[in-house]
Amino acid sequence: MGETLYSSSYQPDPKSALDVLAFVLTPIAAFATDPDEIEAVAEILGAAKTEAIERWQSLRDEDRRQ
């Protein structure tokens, strides 16, 4: 059986490089297609993607210290 591509109950693991990378590389069009919403979504996603990367790095560094 292959990977689940969509599931409403899916919760990404902030410690998983694969989960974080998948989120960061997901294009804006996956979240919004309405031209009026794209700019707002891009701004929100930019901040969320930056936070996801920072959180992953922090958790990775924490695991390395233990």
N, C-alpha and C. Protein backbone atom coordinates (compact mmCIF):
# COMPACT_ATOMS: atom_id res chain seq x y z
N MET A 1 0.84 -1.18 0.00
CA MET A 1 0.00 0.00 0.00
C MET A 1 0.88 1.23 0.00
N GLY A 2 0.52 2.25 -0.78
CA GLY A 2 1.33 3.47 -0.90
C GLY A 2 1.07 4.46 0.23
N GLU A 3 1.73 5.60 0.14
CA GLU A 3 1.55 6.66 1.12
C GLU A 3 0.17 7.28 0.98
N THR A 4 -0.39 7.74 2.08
CA THR A 4 -1.66 8.45 2.06
C THR A 4 -1.42 9.84 1.49
N LEU A 5 -2.11 10.18 0.43
CA LEU A 5 -1.95 11.49 -0.18
C LEU A 5 -2.84 12.53 0.48
N TYR A 6 -4.00 12.10 0.94
CA TYR A 6 -4.90 13.03 1.61
C TYR A 6 -5.67 12.31 2.69
N SER A 7 -5.77 12.95 3.81
CA SER A 7 -6.58 12.43 4.90
C SER A 7 -6.94 13.61 5.78
N SER A 8 -8.19 13.76 6.09
CA SER A 8 -8.60 14.90 6.91
C SER A 8 -8.09 14.77 8.35
N SER A 9 -7.70 13.58 8.75
CA SER A 9 -7.19 13.40 10.10
C SER A 9 -5.66 13.45 10.17
N TYR A 10 -5.01 13.67 9.05
CA TYR A 10 -3.55 13.71 9.00
C TYR A 10 -3.02 14.90 9.79
N GLN A 11 -2.03 14.67 10.61
CA GLN A 11 -1.36 15.72 11.35
C GLN A 11 0.14 15.59 11.10
N PRO A 12 0.74 16.58 10.45
CA PRO A 12 2.18 16.49 10.17
C PRO A 12 2.99 16.46 11.47
N ASP A 13 4.09 15.76 11.41
CA ASP A 13 4.99 15.65 12.55
C ASP A 13 6.03 16.76 12.43
N PRO A 14 6.05 17.74 13.37
CA PRO A 14 7.01 18.84 13.27
C PRO A 14 8.46 18.39 13.42
N LYS A 15 8.69 17.13 13.87
CA LYS A 15 10.05 16.60 13.98
C LYS A 15 10.50 15.90 12.70
N SER A 16 9.56 15.69 11.78
CA SER A 16 9.86 14.96 10.55
C SER A 16 10.31 15.91 9.45
N ALA A 17 11.54 15.73 9.00
CA ALA A 17 12.06 16.56 7.91
C ALA A 17 11.19 16.39 6.66
N LEU A 18 10.72 15.19 6.42
CA LEU A 18 9.89 14.93 5.25
C LEU A 18 8.57 15.69 5.33
N ASP A 19 7.93 15.68 6.48
CA ASP A 19 6.67 16.40 6.64
C ASP A 19 6.87 17.91 6.47
N VAL A 20 7.91 18.44 7.07
CA VAL A 20 8.19 19.87 6.98
C VAL A 20 8.53 20.24 5.54
N LEU A 21 9.35 19.45 4.89
CA LEU A 21 9.72 19.72 3.50
C LEU A 21 8.50 19.67 2.59
N ALA A 22 7.63 18.70 2.80
CA ALA A 22 6.41 18.59 1.98
C ALA A 22 5.56 19.84 2.13
N PHE A 23 5.42 20.33 3.35
CA PHE A 23 4.64 21.55 3.58
C PHE A 23 5.30 22.76 2.92
N VAL A 24 6.59 22.91 3.12
CA VAL A 24 7.31 24.06 2.60
C VAL A 24 7.29 24.09 1.06
N LEU A 25 7.35 22.93 0.44
CA LEU A 25 7.38 22.87 -1.03
C LEU A 25 5.99 22.84 -1.68
N THR A 26 4.95 22.76 -0.88
CA THR A 26 3.60 22.76 -1.44
C THR A 26 3.30 24.14 -2.01
N PRO A 27 2.89 24.20 -3.28
CA PRO A 27 2.63 25.50 -3.90
C PRO A 27 1.37 26.17 -3.34
N ILE A 28 1.34 27.47 -3.42
CA ILE A 28 0.22 28.26 -2.92
C ILE A 28 -1.09 27.80 -3.56
N ALA A 29 -1.05 27.39 -4.80
CA ALA A 29 -2.26 26.97 -5.51
C ALA A 29 -2.95 25.79 -4.83
N ALA A 30 -2.24 25.06 -4.00
CA ALA A 30 -2.86 23.95 -3.27
C ALA A 30 -3.75 24.48 -2.14
N PHE A 31 -3.53 25.70 -1.72
CA PHE A 31 -4.27 26.28 -0.61
C PHE A 31 -5.30 27.32 -1.07
N ALA A 32 -5.08 27.93 -2.22
CA ALA A 32 -6.02 28.94 -2.72
C ALA A 32 -5.91 29.02 -4.24
N THR A 33 -7.06 29.15 -4.87
CA THR A 33 -7.08 29.31 -6.33
C THR A 33 -7.73 30.62 -6.74
N ASP A 34 -8.47 31.22 -5.84
CA ASP A 34 -9.14 32.50 -6.12
C ASP A 34 -8.07 33.60 -6.18
N PRO A 35 -8.00 34.32 -7.30
CA PRO A 35 -6.97 35.36 -7.43
C PRO A 35 -7.01 36.40 -6.31
N ASP A 36 -8.20 36.66 -5.77
CA ASP A 36 -8.31 37.64 -4.69
C ASP A 36 -7.73 37.12 -3.38
N GLU A 37 -7.64 35.82 -3.23
CA GLU A 37 -7.14 35.23 -1.98
C GLU A 37 -5.66 34.87 -2.04
N ILE A 38 -5.12 34.72 -3.22
CA ILE A 38 -3.74 34.22 -3.37
C ILE A 38 -2.73 35.07 -2.61
N GLU A 39 -2.84 36.39 -2.70
CA GLU A 39 -1.86 37.26 -2.03
C GLU A 39 -1.93 37.09 -0.51
N ALA A 40 -3.14 37.06 0.04
CA ALA A 40 -3.30 36.90 1.48
C ALA A 40 -2.79 35.53 1.93
N VAL A 41 -3.12 34.50 1.16
CA VAL A 41 -2.67 33.15 1.50
C VAL A 41 -1.15 33.06 1.42
N ALA A 42 -0.56 33.69 0.42
CA ALA A 42 0.90 33.68 0.26
C ALA A 42 1.57 34.31 1.48
N GLU A 43 1.00 35.38 1.98
CA GLU A 43 1.58 36.06 3.14
C GLU A 43 1.49 35.17 4.39
N ILE A 44 0.33 34.59 4.60
CA ILE A 44 0.14 33.71 5.76
C ILE A 44 1.02 32.47 5.65
N LEU A 45 1.05 31.87 4.46
CA LEU A 45 1.85 30.66 4.27
C LEU A 45 3.34 30.94 4.41
N GLY A 46 3.77 32.10 3.96
CA GLY A 46 5.19 32.45 4.10
C GLY A 46 5.62 32.40 5.55
N ALA A 47 4.79 33.01 6.41
CA ALA A 47 5.08 33.01 7.85
C ALA A 47 4.99 31.60 8.43
N ALA A 48 3.98 30.84 8.00
CA ALA A 48 3.80 29.47 8.51
C ALA A 48 4.94 28.56 8.08
N LYS A 49 5.40 28.72 6.86
CA LYS A 49 6.49 27.88 6.36
C LYS A 49 7.80 28.21 7.09
N THR A 50 8.03 29.49 7.33
CA THR A 50 9.22 29.90 8.09
C THR A 50 9.17 29.33 9.50
N GLU A 51 8.01 29.40 10.13
CA GLU A 51 7.83 28.86 11.48
C GLU A 51 8.04 27.35 11.49
N ALA A 52 7.55 26.66 10.49
CA ALA A 52 7.71 25.20 10.42
C ALA A 52 9.19 24.82 10.35
N ILE A 53 9.94 25.55 9.55
CA ILE A 53 11.38 25.28 9.42
C ILE A 53 12.10 25.57 10.73
N GLU A 54 11.79 26.70 11.35
CA GLU A 54 12.43 27.07 12.61
C GLU A 54 12.10 26.06 13.71
N ARG A 55 10.85 25.62 13.76
CA ARG A 55 10.43 24.65 14.76
C ARG A 55 11.15 23.32 14.54
N TRP A 56 11.25 22.89 13.29
CA TRP A 56 11.93 21.64 12.99
C TRP A 56 13.40 21.71 13.41
N GLN A 57 14.06 22.84 13.09
CA GLN A 57 15.47 22.99 13.46
C GLN A 57 15.64 22.98 14.98
N SER A 58 14.74 23.63 15.68
CA SER A 58 14.81 23.67 17.13
C SER A 58 14.62 22.28 17.73
N LEU A 59 13.64 21.54 17.24
CA LEU A 59 13.40 20.18 17.73
C LEU A 59 14.56 19.24 17.39
N ARG A 60 15.13 19.41 16.20
CA ARG A 60 16.28 18.58 15.80
C ARG A 60 17.47 18.86 16.72
N ASP A 61 17.72 20.15 16.99
CA ASP A 61 18.84 20.51 17.87
C ASP A 61 18.61 19.98 19.29
N GLU A 62 17.37 20.04 19.74
CA GLU A 62 17.02 19.53 21.06
C GLU A 62 17.28 18.01 21.15
N ASP A 63 16.90 17.29 20.11
CA ASP A 63 17.14 15.84 20.07
C ASP A 63 18.63 15.52 20.07
N ARG A 64 19.42 16.34 19.40
CA ARG A 64 20.86 16.10 19.33
C ARG A 64 21.52 16.30 20.67
N ARG A 65 20.98 17.21 21.49
CA ARG A 65 21.56 17.49 22.81
C ARG A 65 21.28 16.37 23.80
N GLN A 66 20.26 15.58 23.54
CA GLN A 66 19.88 14.53 24.49
C GLN A 66 20.66 13.27 24.29
